[in-house]
Protein backbone atom coordinates (compact mmCIF):
# COMPACT_ATOMS: atom_id res chain seq x y z
CA MET A 1 -30.84 2.08 7.65
CA ASN A 2 -31.50 2.05 11.30
CA GLU A 3 -29.26 0.60 14.11
CA SER A 4 -31.72 -2.37 14.61
CA GLU A 5 -31.03 -3.69 11.08
CA ILE A 6 -27.36 -3.34 11.66
CA PHE A 7 -27.44 -5.10 14.85
CA ARG A 8 -29.53 -7.83 13.41
CA ALA A 9 -27.16 -8.20 10.41
CA LEU A 10 -24.19 -8.30 12.66
CA SER A 11 -25.76 -10.80 15.18
CA ASP A 12 -24.81 -13.68 12.91
CA PRO A 13 -21.14 -14.98 13.16
CA THR A 14 -21.14 -15.89 9.37
CA ARG A 15 -22.14 -12.38 8.41
CA ARG A 16 -19.48 -10.88 10.69
CA ALA A 17 -16.92 -13.12 9.03
CA VAL A 18 -18.08 -11.96 5.60
CA LEU A 19 -17.85 -8.40 6.60
CA ASP A 20 -14.36 -9.06 8.19
CA ARG A 21 -13.18 -10.54 4.81
CA LEU A 22 -14.40 -7.58 2.91
CA THR A 23 -12.27 -5.23 5.02
CA ALA A 24 -9.30 -6.72 3.11
CA GLY A 25 -10.72 -5.60 -0.21
CA GLU A 26 -13.34 -6.33 -2.78
CA LYS A 27 -14.36 -9.96 -3.28
CA ASN A 28 -17.03 -11.93 -5.14
CA ALA A 29 -19.49 -14.36 -3.47
CA THR A 30 -17.32 -17.36 -4.30
CA GLU A 31 -14.22 -15.67 -2.63
CA LEU A 32 -16.36 -14.80 0.35
CA ARG A 33 -17.64 -18.39 0.68
CA GLN A 34 -14.09 -20.05 0.68
CA GLY A 35 -13.43 -21.56 4.10
CA LEU A 36 -16.96 -21.17 5.20
CA GLU A 37 -18.98 -24.39 5.31
CA ILE A 38 -22.02 -22.98 3.73
CA SER A 39 -23.77 -23.35 0.38
CA GLN A 40 -23.79 -20.78 -2.40
CA PRO A 41 -27.47 -20.01 -1.67
CA ALA A 42 -26.61 -19.38 1.98
CA ILE A 43 -23.76 -16.98 1.16
CA SER A 44 -26.17 -15.21 -1.13
CA GLN A 45 -28.63 -14.71 1.64
CA HIS A 46 -25.99 -13.44 4.09
CA ILE A 47 -24.84 -11.00 1.44
CA ALA A 48 -28.48 -9.80 0.94
CA VAL A 49 -28.85 -9.13 4.58
CA LEU A 50 -25.53 -7.26 4.85
CA ARG A 51 -26.45 -5.31 1.63
CA GLY A 52 -30.00 -4.55 3.01
CA ALA A 53 -28.54 -3.30 6.34
CA GLY A 54 -26.27 -0.95 4.25
CA LEU A 55 -23.14 -2.57 5.40
CA ILE A 56 -21.75 -3.64 2.09
CA LYS A 57 -22.22 -2.46 -1.54
CA GLU A 58 -21.95 -4.21 -4.87
CA ALA A 59 -20.28 -3.30 -8.11
CA ARG A 60 -21.30 -5.28 -11.27
CA ALA A 61 -18.79 -5.90 -14.05
CA GLY A 62 -20.67 -7.86 -16.67
CA ARG A 63 -21.82 -11.06 -15.15
CA HIS A 64 -19.61 -10.74 -12.22
CA VAL A 65 -20.59 -8.87 -8.92
CA ASN A 66 -18.00 -7.75 -6.49
CA TYR A 67 -18.82 -6.70 -2.86
CA SER A 68 -17.08 -4.15 -0.64
CA VAL A 69 -17.58 -2.58 2.65
CA ASN A 70 -19.85 0.46 2.58
CA PRO A 71 -17.78 3.01 4.55
CA ASP A 72 -20.93 4.76 5.76
CA GLY A 73 -22.69 1.63 6.72
CA LEU A 74 -21.87 1.71 10.31
CA ARG A 75 -22.79 5.46 10.79
CA PRO A 76 -26.26 4.80 12.20
CA LEU A 77 -24.71 2.38 14.83
CA PHE A 78 -21.88 4.87 15.61
CA ASP A 79 -24.44 7.61 16.12
CA TRP A 80 -26.56 5.44 18.24
CA LEU A 81 -23.47 4.53 20.41
CA THR A 82 -22.42 8.28 20.72
CA ARG A 83 -25.59 9.01 22.45
CA TYR A 84 -24.56 6.69 25.31
CA ARG A 85 -20.90 7.70 25.24
CA SER A 86 -21.27 10.30 28.07
CA PHE A 87 -23.27 7.80 30.17
CA TRP A 88 -20.34 5.44 30.65
CA PRO A 89 -17.55 7.42 32.25
CA GLU A 90 -19.99 8.54 34.99
CA ARG A 91 -20.96 4.94 35.64
CA VAL A 92 -17.37 3.87 35.71
CA GLU A 93 -16.45 6.56 38.20
CA ARG A 94 -19.37 5.35 40.47
CA LEU A 95 -18.17 1.76 40.17
CA LYS A 96 -14.54 2.85 41.12
CA THR A 97 -15.97 4.68 44.09
CA LEU A 98 -18.09 1.71 45.12
CA LEU A 99 -15.13 -0.71 44.81
CA LYS A 100 -12.86 1.61 46.86
CA GLU A 101 -15.53 1.77 49.57
CA MET A 102 -15.78 -2.04 49.58
CA ASP A 103 -12.03 -2.38 49.98
CA GLN A 104 -12.15 -0.30 53.09
């Protein structure tokens, strides 16, 4: 998966809520839907997007499907952010300097 797919998957508040629920442990689609005012087909679509982005995985047990967070799912996003990590301290220092100059 690439970071664009992950950003797209996480751009929806319902999908973020589903992912948050899965951080507490494995759940099925019905459990994930509880408290959300969406239909069963809608939760299935959200699950499909999260699964397609590599953020969650499924485990089948007979007719039942349980979902859990894929621990490696955010790795591409983490790697992408890491490339910019060195960029921010320099910018913050420049901003601090600018603000000090403005105060004088």
